[in-house]
PDB file of N, CA and C in Angstrom:
ATOM      1  N   MET A   1     231.536  19.903   0.350  1.00  0.00           N
ATOM      2  CA  MET A   1     231.615  20.693   1.566  1.00  0.00           C
ATOM      3  C   MET A   1     230.293  20.586   2.319  1.00  0.00           C
ATOM      4  N   VAL A   2     230.338  20.271   3.583  1.00  0.00           N
ATOM      5  CA  VAL A   2     229.148  20.193   4.422  1.00  0.00           C
ATOM      6  C   VAL A   2     229.047  21.487   5.218  1.00  0.00           C
ATOM      7  N   TYR A   3     227.886  22.110   5.155  1.00  0.00           N
ATOM      8  CA  TYR A   3     227.664  23.369   5.845  1.00  0.00           C
ATOM      9  C   TYR A   3     227.135  23.092   7.251  1.00  0.00           C
ATOM     10  N   ASP A   4     227.731  23.712   8.241  1.00  0.00           N
ATOM     11  CA  ASP A   4     227.207  23.627   9.606  1.00  0.00           C
ATOM     12  C   ASP A   4     226.293  24.827   9.790  1.00  0.00           C
ATOM     13  N   MET A   5     225.001  24.611   9.844  1.00  0.00           N
ATOM     14  CA  MET A   5     224.059  25.712   9.943  1.00  0.00           C
ATOM     15  C   MET A   5     223.376  25.756  11.301  1.00  0.00           C
ATOM     16  N   THR A   6     224.127  25.443  12.340  1.00  0.00           N
ATOM     17  CA  THR A   6     223.603  25.686  13.676  1.00  0.00           C
ATOM     18  C   THR A   6     223.811  27.160  13.963  1.00  0.00           C
ATOM     19  N   TYR A   7     222.957  27.725  14.784  1.00  0.00           N
ATOM     20  CA  TYR A   7     223.064  29.159  15.056  1.00  0.00           C
ATOM     21  C   TYR A   7     224.317  29.442  15.879  1.00  0.00           C
ATOM     22  N   ASN A   8     225.092  30.369  15.405  1.00  0.00           N
ATOM     23  CA  ASN A   8     226.295  30.801  16.098  1.00  0.00           C
ATOM     24  C   ASN A   8     226.088  32.252  16.522  1.00  0.00           C
ATOM     25  N   PRO A   9     225.963  32.526  17.823  1.00  0.00           N
ATOM     26  CA  PRO A   9     225.715  33.898  18.281  1.00  0.00           C
ATOM     27  C   PRO A   9     226.869  34.858  18.012  1.00  0.00           C
ATOM     28  N   GLU A  10     227.971  34.344  17.496  1.00  0.00           N
ATOM     29  CA  GLU A  10     229.102  35.199  17.132  1.00  0.00           C
ATOM     30  C   GLU A  10     229.132  35.501  15.634  1.00  0.00           C
ATOM     31  N   ASN A  11     228.060  35.152  14.897  1.00  0.00           N
ATOM     32  CA  ASN A  11     228.038  35.462  13.472  1.00  0.00           C
ATOM     33  C   ASN A  11     227.953  36.977  13.279  1.00  0.00           C
ATOM     34  N   ILE A  12     228.337  37.438  12.107  1.00  0.00           N
ATOM     35  CA  ILE A  12     228.446  38.871  11.851  1.00  0.00           C
ATOM     36  C   ILE A  12     227.123  39.604  12.053  1.00  0.00           C
ATOM     37  N   PHE A  13     226.001  38.994  11.686  1.00  0.00           N
ATOM     38  CA  PHE A  13     224.718  39.681  11.832  1.00  0.00           C
ATOM     39  C   PHE A  13     224.310  39.795  13.301  1.00  0.00           C
ATOM     40  N   ALA A  14     224.609  38.794  14.087  1.00  0.00           N
ATOM     41  CA  ALA A  14     224.336  38.882  15.529  1.00  0.00           C
ATOM     42  C   ALA A  14     225.154  40.022  16.135  1.00  0.00           C
ATOM     43  N   LYS A  15     226.393  40.167  15.701  1.00  0.00           N
ATOM     44  CA  LYS A  15     227.242  41.250  16.202  1.00  0.00           C
ATOM     45  C   LYS A  15     226.715  42.615  15.771  1.00  0.00           C
ATOM     46  N   ILE A  16     226.165  42.701  14.560  1.00  0.00           N
ATOM     47  CA  ILE A  16     225.558  43.958  14.101  1.00  0.00           C
ATOM     48  C   ILE A  16     224.339  44.282  14.950  1.00  0.00           C
ATOM     49  N   ILE A  17     223.489  43.301  15.207  1.00  0.00           N
ATOM     50  CA  ILE A  17     222.294  43.520  16.029  1.00  0.00           C
ATOM     51  C   ILE A  17     222.689  44.022  17.417  1.00  0.00           C
ATOM     52  N   ARG A  18     223.743  43.450  17.994  1.00  0.00           N
ATOM     53  CA  ARG A  18     224.194  43.861  19.328  1.00  0.00           C
ATOM     54  C   ARG A  18     224.951  45.195  19.314  1.00  0.00           C
ATOM     55  N   GLY A  19     225.224  45.747  18.157  1.00  0.00           N
ATOM     56  CA  GLY A  19     225.936  47.012  18.063  1.00  0.00           C
ATOM     57  C   GLY A  19     227.444  46.883  18.159  1.00  0.00           C
ATOM     58  N   GLU A  20     227.956  45.658  18.075  1.00  0.00           N
ATOM     59  CA  GLU A  20     229.403  45.436  18.149  1.00  0.00           C
ATOM     60  C   GLU A  20     230.101  45.771  16.837  1.00  0.00           C
ATOM     61  N   ILE A  21     229.361  45.688  15.735  1.00  0.00           N
ATOM     62  CA  ILE A  21     229.856  46.046  14.411  1.00  0.00           C
ATOM     63  C   ILE A  21     228.874  47.067  13.848  1.00  0.00           C
ATOM     64  N   PRO A  22     229.382  48.185  13.316  1.00  0.00           N
ATOM     65  CA  PRO A  22     228.466  49.196  12.769  1.00  0.00           C
ATOM     66  C   PRO A  22     227.850  48.751  11.453  1.00  0.00           C
ATOM     67  N   CYS A  23     226.730  49.349  11.115  1.00  0.00           N
ATOM     68  CA  CYS A  23     226.090  49.107   9.831  1.00  0.00           C
ATOM     69  C   CYS A  23     225.501  50.412   9.322  1.00  0.00           C
ATOM     70  N   ASP A  24     225.225  50.453   8.041  1.00  0.00           N
ATOM     71  CA  ASP A  24     224.567  51.595   7.409  1.00  0.00           C
ATOM     72  C   ASP A  24     223.070  51.300   7.407  1.00  0.00           C
ATOM     73  N   LYS A  25     222.421  51.660   8.526  1.00  0.00           N
ATOM     74  CA  LYS A  25     221.029  51.283   8.771  1.00  0.00           C
ATOM     75  C   LYS A  25     220.069  51.982   7.812  1.00  0.00           C
ATOM     76  N   VAL A  26     219.128  51.197   7.309  1.00  0.00           N
ATOM     77  CA  VAL A  26     218.076  51.694   6.433  1.00  0.00           C
ATOM     78  C   VAL A  26     216.746  51.739   7.175  1.00  0.00           C
ATOM     79  N   TYR A  27     216.487  50.735   8.019  1.00  0.00           N
ATOM     80  CA  TYR A  27     215.199  50.605   8.708  1.00  0.00           C
ATOM     81  C   TYR A  27     215.402  49.742   9.944  1.00  0.00           C
ATOM     82  N   GLU A  28     214.619  50.026  10.991  1.00  0.00           N
ATOM     83  CA  GLU A  28     214.651  49.198  12.191  1.00  0.00           C
ATOM     84  C   GLU A  28     213.316  49.294  12.901  1.00  0.00           C
ATOM     85  N   ASP A  29     212.882  48.170  13.468  1.00  0.00           N
ATOM     86  CA  ASP A  29     211.730  48.152  14.364  1.00  0.00           C
ATOM     87  C   ASP A  29     212.054  47.189  15.504  1.00  0.00           C
ATOM     88  N   ASP A  30     211.075  46.848  16.304  1.00  0.00           N
ATOM     89  CA  ASP A  30     211.324  45.985  17.464  1.00  0.00           C
ATOM     90  C   ASP A  30     211.856  44.602  17.094  1.00  0.00           C
ATOM     91  N   HIS A  31     211.504  44.116  15.892  1.00  0.00           N
ATOM     92  CA  HIS A  31     211.832  42.737  15.523  1.00  0.00           C
ATOM     93  C   HIS A  31     212.821  42.603  14.372  1.00  0.00           C
ATOM     94  N   THR A  32     213.088  43.684  13.641  1.00  0.00           N
ATOM     95  CA  THR A  32     213.924  43.579  12.445  1.00  0.00           C
ATOM     96  C   THR A  32     214.935  44.715  12.360  1.00  0.00           C
ATOM     97  N   LEU A  33     215.962  44.464  11.561  1.00  0.00           N
ATOM     98  CA  LEU A  33     216.967  45.472  11.237  1.00  0.00           C
ATOM     99  C   LEU A  33     217.279  45.326   9.756  1.00  0.00           C
ATOM    100  N   ALA A  34     217.357  46.457   9.045  1.00  0.00           N
ATOM    101  CA  ALA A  34     217.716  46.449   7.630  1.00  0.00           C
ATOM    102  C   ALA A  34     218.875  47.410   7.423  1.00  0.00           C
ATOM    103  N   PHE A  35     219.850  46.978   6.632  1.00  0.00           N
ATOM    104  CA  PHE A  35     221.037  47.803   6.403  1.00  0.00           C
ATOM    105  C   PHE A  35     221.599  47.521   5.014  1.00  0.00           C
ATOM    106  N   ASN A  36     222.335  48.497   4.484  1.00  0.00           N
ATOM    107  CA  ASN A  36     222.942  48.357   3.172  1.00  0.00           C
ATOM    108  C   ASN A  36     224.019  47.273   3.203  1.00  0.00           C
ATOM    109  N   ASP A  37     224.029  46.432   2.172  1.00  0.00           N
ATOM    110  CA  ASP A  37     225.027  45.376   2.045  1.00  0.00           C
ATOM    111  C   ASP A  37     226.391  46.007   1.777  1.00  0.00           C
ATOM    112  N   ILE A  38     227.441  45.489   2.407  1.00  0.00           N
ATOM    113  CA  ILE A  38     228.774  46.055   2.210  1.00  0.00           C
ATOM    114  C   ILE A  38     229.388  45.623   0.874  1.00  0.00           C
ATOM    115  N   ASN A  39     228.791  44.651   0.208  1.00  0.00           N
ATOM    116  CA  ASN A  39     229.264  44.196  -1.099  1.00  0.00           C
ATOM    117  C   ASN A  39     228.060  44.138  -2.046  1.00  0.00           C
ATOM    118  N   PRO A  40     227.513  45.308  -2.410  1.00  0.00           N
ATOM    119  CA  PRO A  40     226.252  45.319  -3.168  1.00  0.00           C
ATOM    120  C   PRO A  40     226.365  44.667  -4.533  1.00  0.00           C
ATOM    121  N   GLN A  41     225.310  43.937  -4.903  1.00  0.00           N
ATOM    122  CA  GLN A  41     225.237  43.268  -6.198  1.00  0.00           C
ATOM    123  C   GLN A  41     224.325  44.022  -7.162  1.00  0.00           C
ATOM    124  N   ALA A  42     223.811  45.170  -6.735  1.00  0.00           N
ATOM    125  CA  ALA A  42     222.939  46.028  -7.544  1.00  0.00           C
ATOM    126  C   ALA A  42     223.060  47.435  -6.961  1.00  0.00           C
ATOM    127  N   PRO A  43     222.574  48.445  -7.679  1.00  0.00           N
ATOM    128  CA  PRO A  43     222.645  49.810  -7.131  1.00  0.00           C
ATOM    129  C   PRO A  43     222.023  49.941  -5.741  1.00  0.00           C
ATOM    130  N   VAL A  44     220.956  49.204  -5.486  1.00  0.00           N
ATOM    131  CA  VAL A  44     220.394  49.110  -4.140  1.00  0.00           C
ATOM    132  C   VAL A  44     220.460  47.650  -3.727  1.00  0.00           C
ATOM    133  N   HIS A  45     221.071  47.395  -2.575  1.00  0.00           N
ATOM    134  CA  HIS A  45     221.175  46.028  -2.046  1.00  0.00           C
ATOM    135  C   HIS A  45     221.145  46.138  -0.525  1.00  0.00           C
ATOM    136  N   VAL A  46     220.000  45.811   0.035  1.00  0.00           N
ATOM    137  CA  VAL A  46     219.771  45.933   1.467  1.00  0.00           C
ATOM    138  C   VAL A  46     219.523  44.539   2.041  1.00  0.00           C
ATOM    139  N   LEU A  47     220.070  44.289   3.231  1.00  0.00           N
ATOM    140  CA  LEU A  47     219.804  43.049   3.953  1.00  0.00           C
ATOM    141  C   LEU A  47     218.788  43.331   5.039  1.00  0.00           C
ATOM    142  N   VAL A  48     217.753  42.509   5.113  1.00  0.00           N
ATOM    143  CA  VAL A  48     216.735  42.613   6.155  1.00  0.00           C
ATOM    144  C   VAL A  48     216.868  41.365   7.018  1.00  0.00           C
ATOM    145  N   ILE A  49     217.066  41.559   8.317  1.00  0.00           N
ATOM    146  CA  ILE A  49     217.270  40.428   9.220  1.00  0.00           C
ATOM    147  C   ILE A  49     216.338  40.517  10.417  1.00  0.00           C
ATOM    148  N   PRO A  50     215.899  39.359  10.913  1.00  0.00           N
ATOM    149  CA  PRO A  50     215.174  39.370  12.183  1.00  0.00           C
ATOM    150  C   PRO A  50     216.185  39.572  13.310  1.00  0.00           C
ATOM    151  N   LYS A  51     215.754  40.178  14.388  1.00  0.00           N
ATOM    152  CA  LYS A  51     216.636  40.359  15.538  1.00  0.00           C
ATOM    153  C   LYS A  51     216.758  39.084  16.369  1.00  0.00           C
ATOM    154  N   GLY A  52     215.861  38.143  16.171  1.00  0.00           N
ATOM    155  CA  GLY A  52     215.931  36.869  16.871  1.00  0.00           C
ATOM    156  C   GLY A  52     216.977  35.957  16.260  1.00  0.00           C
ATOM    157  N   ALA A  53     217.358  34.928  17.002  1.00  0.00           N
ATOM    158  CA  ALA A  53     218.412  33.994  16.598  1.00  0.00           C
ATOM    159  C   ALA A  53     217.837  32.875  15.732  1.00  0.00           C
ATOM    160  N   TYR A  54     217.700  33.147  14.432  1.00  0.00           N
ATOM    161  CA  TYR A  54     217.168  32.171  13.490  1.00  0.00           C
ATOM    162  C   TYR A  54     218.211  31.898  12.412  1.00  0.00           C
ATOM    163  N   VAL A  55     218.482  30.637  12.161  1.00  0.00           N
ATOM    164  CA  VAL A  55     219.511  30.252  11.194  1.00  0.00           C
ATOM    165  C   VAL A  55     219.088  30.578   9.764  1.00  0.00           C
ATOM    166  N   ASN A  56     217.871  30.195   9.410  1.00  0.00           N
ATOM    167  CA  ASN A  56     217.406  30.354   8.027  1.00  0.00           C
ATOM    168  C   ASN A  56     215.876  30.382   8.023  1.00  0.00           C
ATOM    169  N   MET A  57     215.289  30.385   6.837  1.00  0.00           N
ATOM    170  CA  MET A  57     213.839  30.499   6.721  1.00  0.00           C
ATOM    171  C   MET A  57     213.123  29.320   7.373  1.00  0.00           C
ATOM    172  N   GLU A  58     213.664  28.124   7.262  1.00  0.00           N
ATOM    173  CA  GLU A  58     213.032  26.963   7.892  1.00  0.00           C
ATOM    174  C   GLU A  58     212.979  27.123   9.408  1.00  0.00           C
ATOM    175  N   ASP A  59     214.082  27.538   9.978  1.00  0.00           N
ATOM    176  CA  ASP A  59     214.167  27.771  11.421  1.00  0.00           C
ATOM    177  C   ASP A  59     213.193  28.873  11.834  1.00  0.00           C
ATOM    178  N   PHE A  60     213.151  29.935  11.039  1.00  0.00           N
ATOM    179  CA  PHE A  60     212.291  31.090  11.328  1.00  0.00           C
ATOM    180  C   PHE A  60     210.814  30.712  11.305  1.00  0.00           C
ATOM    181  N   HIS A  61     210.370  30.057  10.239  1.00  0.00           N
ATOM    182  CA  HIS A  61     208.930  29.764  10.169  1.00  0.00           C
ATOM    183  C   HIS A  61     208.511  28.730  11.200  1.00  0.00           C
ATOM    184  N   ALA A  62     209.451  27.918  11.683  1.00  0.00           N
ATOM    185  CA  ALA A  62     209.119  26.923  12.700  1.00  0.00           C
ATOM    186  C   ALA A  62     209.074  27.514  14.108  1.00  0.00           C
ATOM    187  N   LYS A  63     209.884  28.556  14.374  1.00  0.00           N
ATOM    188  CA  LYS A  63     210.043  29.039  15.743  1.00  0.00           C
ATOM    189  C   LYS A  63     209.602  30.485  16.000  1.00  0.00           C
ATOM    190  N   ALA A  64     209.524  31.309  14.970  1.00  0.00           N
ATOM    191  CA  ALA A  64     209.234  32.733  15.172  1.00  0.00           C
ATOM    192  C   ALA A  64     207.775  32.956  15.562  1.00  0.00           C
ATOM    193  N   SER A  65     207.552  34.024  16.296  1.00  0.00           N
ATOM    194  CA  SER A  65     206.187  34.411  16.657  1.00  0.00           C
ATOM    195  C   SER A  65     205.501  35.041  15.448  1.00  0.00           C
ATOM    196  N   ASP A  66     204.173  35.110  15.509  1.00  0.00           N
ATOM    197  CA  ASP A  66     203.428  35.765  14.434  1.00  0.00           C
ATOM    198  C   ASP A  66     203.879  37.214  14.266  1.00  0.00           C
ATOM    199  N   GLU A  67     204.181  37.881  15.373  1.00  0.00           N
ATOM    200  CA  GLU A  67     204.630  39.275  15.321  1.00  0.00           C
ATOM    201  C   GLU A  67     205.969  39.397  14.589  1.00  0.00           C
ATOM    202  N   GLU A  68     206.888  38.459  14.852  1.00  0.00           N
ATOM    203  CA  GLU A  68     208.188  38.488  14.180  1.00  0.00           C
ATOM    204  C   GLU A  68     208.041  38.227  12.678  1.00  0.00           C
ATOM    205  N   ILE A  69     207.188  37.294  12.327  1.00  0.00           N
ATOM    206  CA  ILE A  69     206.974  36.964  10.916  1.00  0.00           C
ATOM    207  C   ILE A  69     206.382  38.161  10.185  1.00  0.00           C
ATOM    208  N   ALA A  70     205.353  38.754  10.762  1.00  0.00           N
ATOM    209  CA  ALA A  70     204.734  39.927  10.135  1.00  0.00           C
ATOM    210  C   ALA A  70     205.727  41.083  10.031  1.00  0.00           C
ATOM    211  N   ALA A  71     206.523  41.297  11.053  1.00  0.00           N
ATOM    212  CA  ALA A  71     207.488  42.399  11.045  1.00  0.00           C
ATOM    213  C   ALA A  71     208.525  42.221   9.939  1.00  0.00           C
ATOM    214  N   LEU A  72     208.984  40.989   9.715  1.00  0.00           N
ATOM    215  CA  LEU A  72     209.987  40.754   8.675  1.00  0.00           C
ATOM    216  C   LEU A  72     209.419  41.078   7.297  1.00  0.00           C
ATOM    217  N   ILE A  73     208.207  40.633   7.033  1.00  0.00           N
ATOM    218  CA  ILE A  73     207.579  40.909   5.730  1.00  0.00           C
ATOM    219  C   ILE A  73     207.321  42.402   5.570  1.00  0.00           C
ATOM    220  N   ARG A  74     206.836  43.043   6.616  1.00  0.00           N
ATOM    221  CA  ARG A  74     206.611  44.500   6.552  1.00  0.00           C
ATOM    222  C   ARG A  74     207.916  45.255   6.337  1.00  0.00           C
ATOM    223  N   ALA A  75     208.988  44.807   6.965  1.00  0.00           N
ATOM    224  CA  ALA A  75     210.283  45.468   6.820  1.00  0.00           C
ATOM    225  C   ALA A  75     210.758  45.430   5.369  1.00  0.00           C
ATOM    226  N   VAL A  76     210.551  44.316   4.695  1.00  0.00           N
ATOM    227  CA  VAL A  76     210.930  44.224   3.285  1.00  0.00           C
ATOM    228  C   VAL A  76     210.183  45.291   2.478  1.00  0.00           C
ATOM    229  N   GLY A  77     208.889  45.421   2.706  1.00  0.00           N
ATOM    230  CA  GLY A  77     208.098  46.439   2.003  1.00  0.00           C
ATOM    231  C   GLY A  77     208.539  47.851   2.339  1.00  0.00           C
ATOM    232  N   GLU A  78     208.856  48.101   3.598  1.00  0.00           N
ATOM    233  CA  GLU A  78     209.336  49.423   4.007  1.00  0.00           C
ATOM    234  C   GLU A  78     210.656  49.769   3.344  1.00  0.00           C
ATOM    235  N   VAL A  79     211.560  48.806   3.278  1.00  0.00           N
ATOM    236  CA  VAL A  79     212.854  49.027   2.636  1.00  0.00           C
ATOM    237  C   VAL A  79     212.652  49.392   1.161  1.00  0.00           C
ATOM    238  N   ALA A  80     211.784  48.658   0.469  1.00  0.00           N
ATOM    239  CA  ALA A  80     211.521  48.954  -0.945  1.00  0.00           C
ATOM    240  C   ALA A  80     211.000  50.379  -1.107  1.00  0.00           C
ATOM    241  N   LYS A  81     210.115  50.791  -0.215  1.00  0.00           N
ATOM    242  CA  LYS A  81     209.565  52.142  -0.274  1.00  0.00           C
ATOM    243  C   LYS A  81     210.638  53.185   0.044  1.00  0.00           C
ATOM    244  N   ILE A  82     211.384  52.979   1.116  1.00  0.00           N
ATOM    245  CA  ILE A  82     212.425  53.921   1.528  1.00  0.00           C
ATOM    246  C   ILE A  82     213.469  54.107   0.426  1.00  0.00           C
ATOM    247  N   LYS A  83     213.836  53.024  -0.228  1.00  0.00           N
ATOM    248  CA  LYS A  83     214.891  53.063  -1.242  1.00  0.00           C
ATOM    249  C   LYS A  83     214.365  53.387  -2.641  1.00  0.00           C
ATOM    250  N   GLY A  84     213.071  53.689  -2.757  1.00  0.00           N
ATOM    251  CA  GLY A  84     212.506  54.117  -4.034  1.00  0.00           C
ATOM    252  C   GLY A  84     212.375  53.030  -5.081  1.00  0.00           C
ATOM    253  N   MET A  85     212.160  51.799  -4.652  1.00  0.00           N
ATOM    254  CA  MET A  85     212.048  50.691  -5.598  1.00  0.00           C
ATOM    255  C   MET A  85     210.613  50.249  -5.844  1.00  0.00           C
ATOM    256  N   SER A  86     209.663  50.797  -5.124  1.00  0.00           N
ATOM    257  CA  SER A  86     208.286  50.332  -5.237  1.00  0.00           C
ATOM    258  C   SER A  86     207.715  50.503  -6.641  1.00  0.00           C
ATOM    259  N   ASP A  87     208.079  51.574  -7.327  1.00  0.00           N
ATOM    260  CA  ASP A  87     207.535  51.829  -8.658  1.00  0.00           C
ATOM    261  C   ASP A  87     208.250  51.051  -9.760  1.00  0.00           C
ATOM    262  N   THR A  88     209.544  50.854  -9.621  1.00  0.00           N
ATOM    263  CA  THR A  88     210.322  50.230 -10.690  1.00  0.00           C
ATOM    264  C   THR A  88     210.502  48.733 -10.505  1.00  0.00           C
ATOM    265  N   GLY A  89     210.348  48.253  -9.307  1.00  0.00           N
ATOM    266  CA  GLY A  89     210.465  46.828  -9.032  1.00  0.00           C
ATOM    267  C   GLY A  89     211.743  46.481  -8.297  1.00  0.00           C
ATOM    268  N   TYR A  90     211.718  45.334  -7.668  1.00  0.00           N
ATOM    269  CA  TYR A  90     212.851  44.863  -6.881  1.00  0.00           C
ATOM    270  C   TYR A  90     212.740  43.360  -6.731  1.00  0.00           C
ATOM    271  N   ARG A  91     213.804  42.767  -6.257  1.00  0.00           N
ATOM    272  CA  ARG A  91     213.834  41.323  -6.033  1.00  0.00           C
ATOM    273  C   ARG A  91     214.149  41.064  -4.572  1.00  0.00           C
ATOM    274  N   ILE A  92     213.501  40.041  -3.994  1.00  0.00           N
ATOM    275  CA  ILE A  92     213.855  39.584  -2.657  1.00  0.00           C
ATOM    276  C   ILE A  92     214.359  38.157  -2.776  1.00  0.00           C
ATOM    277  N   LEU A  93     215.403  37.865  -1.988  1.00  0.00           N
ATOM    278  CA  LEU A  93     216.041  36.565  -2.075  1.00  0.00           C
ATOM    279  C   LEU A  93     216.579  36.194  -0.704  1.00  0.00           C
ATOM    280  N   SER A  94     216.387  34.942  -0.326  1.00  0.00           N
ATOM    281  CA  SER A  94     216.966  34.441   0.910  1.00  0.00           C
ATOM    282  C   SER A  94     217.573  33.077   0.626  1.00  0.00           C
ATOM    283  N   ASN A  95     218.865  32.956   0.824  1.00  0.00           N
ATOM    284  CA  ASN A  95     219.555  31.688   0.616  1.00  0.00           C
ATOM    285  C   ASN A  95     219.404  30.821   1.857  1.00  0.00           C
ATOM    286  N   THR A  96     219.031  29.573   1.649  1.00  0.00           N
ATOM    287  CA  THR A  96     218.867  28.631   2.752  1.00  0.00           C
ATOM    288  C   THR A  96     219.626  27.352   2.434  1.00  0.00           C
ATOM    289  N   GLY A  97     220.679  27.120   3.179  1.00  0.00           N
ATOM    290  CA  GLY A  97     221.392  25.854   3.079  1.00  0.00           C
ATOM    291  C   GLY A  97     222.486  25.802   2.037  1.00  0.00           C
ATOM    292  N   GLU A  98     223.042  24.614   1.921  1.00  0.00           N
ATOM    293  CA  GLU A  98     224.225  24.360   1.106  1.00  0.00           C
ATOM    294  C   GLU A  98     224.008  24.648  -0.376  1.00  0.00           C
ATOM    295  N   ASP A  99     222.946  24.119  -0.976  1.00  0.00           N
ATOM    296  CA  ASP A  99     222.730  24.312  -2.411  1.00  0.00           C
ATOM    297  C   ASP A  99     222.530  25.783  -2.771  1.00  0.00           C
ATOM    298  N   ALA A 100     222.023  26.551  -1.849  1.00  0.00           N
ATOM    299  CA  ALA A 100     221.801  27.985  -2.096  1.00  0.00           C
ATOM    300  C   ALA A 100     223.005  28.837  -1.711  1.00  0.00           C
ATOM    301  N   HIS A 101     224.037  28.209  -1.168  1.00  0.00           N
ATOM    302  CA  HIS A 101     225.274  28.902  -0.767  1.00  0.00           C
ATOM    303  C   HIS A 101     225.042  29.913   0.354  1.00  0.00           C
ATOM    304  N   GLN A 102     224.214  29.549   1.323  1.00  0.00           N
ATOM    305  CA  GLN A 102     224.041  30.408   2.494  1.00  0.00           C
ATOM    306  C   GLN A 102     225.375  30.491   3.213  1.00  0.00           C
ATOM    307  N   GLU A 103     225.839  31.721   3.460  1.00  0.00           N
ATOM    308  CA  GLU A 103     227.158  31.912   4.055  1.00  0.00           C
ATOM    309  C   GLU A 103     227.120  32.278   5.534  1.00  0.00           C
ATOM    310  N   VAL A 104     226.086  32.965   5.967  1.00  0.00           N
ATOM    311  CA  VAL A 104     225.985  33.397   7.360  1.00  0.00           C
ATOM    312  C   VAL A 104     224.818  32.654   8.002  1.00  0.00           C
ATOM    313  N   PRO A 105     225.037  32.002   9.150  1.00  0.00           N
ATOM    314  CA  PRO A 105     223.966  31.226   9.784  1.00  0.00           C
ATOM    315  C   PRO A 105     222.991  32.099  10.576  1.00  0.00           C
ATOM    316  N   HIS A 106     222.496  33.148   9.915  1.00  0.00           N
ATOM    317  CA  HIS A 106     221.447  34.014  10.478  1.00  0.00           C
ATOM    318  C   HIS A 106     220.553  34.377   9.301  1.00  0.00           C
ATOM    319  N   LEU A 107     219.245  34.128   9.433  1.00  0.00           N
ATOM    320  CA  LEU A 107     218.313  34.440   8.353  1.00  0.00           C
ATOM    321  C   LEU A 107     218.520  35.871   7.877  1.00  0.00           C
ATOM    322  N   HIS A 108     218.639  36.044   6.580  1.00  0.00           N
ATOM    323  CA  HIS A 108     218.714  37.386   5.997  1.00  0.00           C
ATOM    324  C   HIS A 108     218.062  37.363   4.624  1.00  0.00           C
ATOM    325  N   ILE A 109     217.360  38.438   4.351  1.00  0.00           N
ATOM    326  CA  ILE A 109     216.679  38.604   3.069  1.00  0.00           C
ATOM    327  C   ILE A 109     217.369  39.738   2.323  1.00  0.00           C
ATOM    328  N   HIS A 110     217.794  39.430   1.100  1.00  0.00           N
ATOM    329  CA  HIS A 110     218.386  40.444   0.233  1.00  0.00           C
ATOM    330  C   HIS A 110     217.252  41.149  -0.502  1.00  0.00           C
ATOM    331  N   VAL A 111     217.254  42.477  -0.481  1.00  0.00           N
ATOM    332  CA  VAL A 111     216.309  43.274  -1.256  1.00  0.00           C
ATOM    333  C   VAL A 111     217.163  44.069  -2.235  1.00  0.00           C
ATOM    334  N   VAL A 112     217.032  43.763  -3.524  1.00  0.00           N
ATOM    335  CA  VAL A 112     217.895  44.372  -4.535  1.00  0.00           C
ATOM    336  C   VAL A 112     217.067  45.016  -5.638  1.00  0.00           C
ATOM    337  N   GLY A 113     217.618  46.089  -6.208  1.00  0.00           N
ATOM    338  CA  GLY A 113     216.917  46.758  -7.298  1.00  0.00           C
ATOM    339  C   GLY A 113     217.648  47.974  -7.811  1.00  0.00           C
ATOM    340  N   LYS A 114     216.874  48.796  -8.525  1.00  0.00           N
ATOM    341  CA  LYS A 114     217.327  50.031  -9.171  1.00  0.00           C
ATOM    342  C   LYS A 114     218.152  49.750 -10.423  1.00  0.00           C
ATOM    343  N   ARG A 115     217.969  48.578 -11.005  1.00  0.00           N
ATOM    344  CA  ARG A 115     218.487  48.252 -12.337  1.00  0.00           C
ATOM    345  C   ARG A 115     217.725  47.027 -12.828  1.00  0.00           C
ATOM    346  N   ASP A 116     217.822  46.763 -14.116  1.00  0.00           N
ATOM    347  CA  ASP A 116     217.223  45.553 -14.670  1.00  0.00           C
ATOM    348  C   ASP A 116     217.983  44.366 -14.106  1.00  0.00           C
ATOM    349  N   LEU A 117     217.307  43.514 -13.376  1.00  0.00           N
ATOM    350  CA  LEU A 117     217.942  42.377 -12.716  1.00  0.00           C
ATOM    351  C   LEU A 117     217.980  41.119 -13.578  1.00  0.00           C
ATOM    352  N   GLY A 118     217.400  41.173 -14.744  1.00  0.00           N
ATOM    353  CA  GLY A 118     217.420  40.009 -15.620  1.00  0.00           C
ATOM    354  C   GLY A 118     216.508  38.903 -15.113  1.00  0.00           C
ATOM    355  N   ARG A 119     216.659  37.752 -15.735  1.00  0.00           N
ATOM    356  CA  ARG A 119     215.850  36.608 -15.335  1.00  0.00           C
ATOM    357  C   ARG A 119     216.201  36.191 -13.913  1.00  0.00           C
ATOM    358  N   MET A 120     215.279  35.544 -13.267  1.00  0.00           N
ATOM    359  CA  MET A 120     215.493  35.134 -11.892  1.00  0.00           C
ATOM    360  C   MET A 120     216.663  34.170 -11.744  1.00  0.00           C
ATOM    361  N   LEU A 121     216.716  33.155 -12.585  1.00  0.00           N
ATOM    362  CA  LEU A 121     217.802  32.176 -12.544  1.00  0.00           C
ATOM    363  C   LEU A 121     218.310  31.944 -13.951  1.00  0.00           C
ATOM    364  N   GLY A 122     219.597  31.708 -14.056  1.00  0.00           N
ATOM    365  CA  GLY A 122     220.163  31.336 -15.347  1.00  0.00           C
ATOM    366  C   GLY A 122     219.785  29.901 -15.680  1.00  0.00           C
ATOM    367  N   LYS A 123     220.048  29.516 -16.892  1.00  0.00           N
ATOM    368  CA  LYS A 123     219.787  28.139 -17.284  1.00  0.00           C
ATOM    369  C   LYS A 123     220.750  27.220 -16.578  1.00  0.00           C
ATOM    370  N   PRO A 124     220.304  26.046 -16.159  1.00  0.00           N
ATOM    371  CA  PRO A 124     221.213  25.123 -15.461  1.00  0.00           C
ATOM    372  C   PRO A 124     222.347  24.665 -16.367  1.00  0.00           C
ATOM    373  N   LYS A 125     223.498  24.468 -15.773  1.00  0.00           N
ATOM    374  CA  LYS A 125     224.648  23.949 -16.513  1.00  0.00           C
ATOM    375  C   LYS A 125     224.444  22.456 -16.721  1.00  0.00           C
ATOM    376  N   PRO A 126     224.816  21.963 -17.887  1.00  0.00           N
ATOM    377  CA  PRO A 126     224.709  20.511 -18.098  1.00  0.00           C
ATOM    378  C   PRO A 126     225.638  19.772 -17.131  1.00  0.00           C
ATOM    379  N   GLU A 127     225.154  18.666 -16.611  1.00  0.00           N
ATOM    380  CA  GLU A 127     225.995  17.878 -15.701  1.00  0.00           C
ATOM    381  C   GLU A 127     227.020  17.091 -16.494  1.00  0.00           C
ATOM    382  N   ALA A 128     228.215  17.003 -15.970  1.00  0.00           N
ATOM    383  CA  ALA A 128     229.298  16.300 -16.680  1.00  0.00           C
ATOM    384  C   ALA A 128     229.179  14.808 -16.521  1.00  0.00           C
TER     385      ALA A 128
END
């Protein structure tokens, strides 16, 4: 399967940013929006997204302003604090491209925690 990762302004996150689809907002500033994931993979699972039209991390670091980059990193820290994960720990993850199974062509960072998350990656499956 070949993934088309051109920015589509009709993607679900763009619609959330525009207010066309509601979200359970956790944090917002001029450059970012954070909201609870509708299909959480941990007791706390928040998505942090830039408000700009960036497909993935490569697109973001190539085109975003210094202010946007700083705001995204700060938003991740704010979410961890707001959700009470700063003391116990949390994981941040951003899928980029086909091998990572990126599903939405808008940069998003998963912030997950409030349980033991185990090892970062499982052992690779042997190739057939």
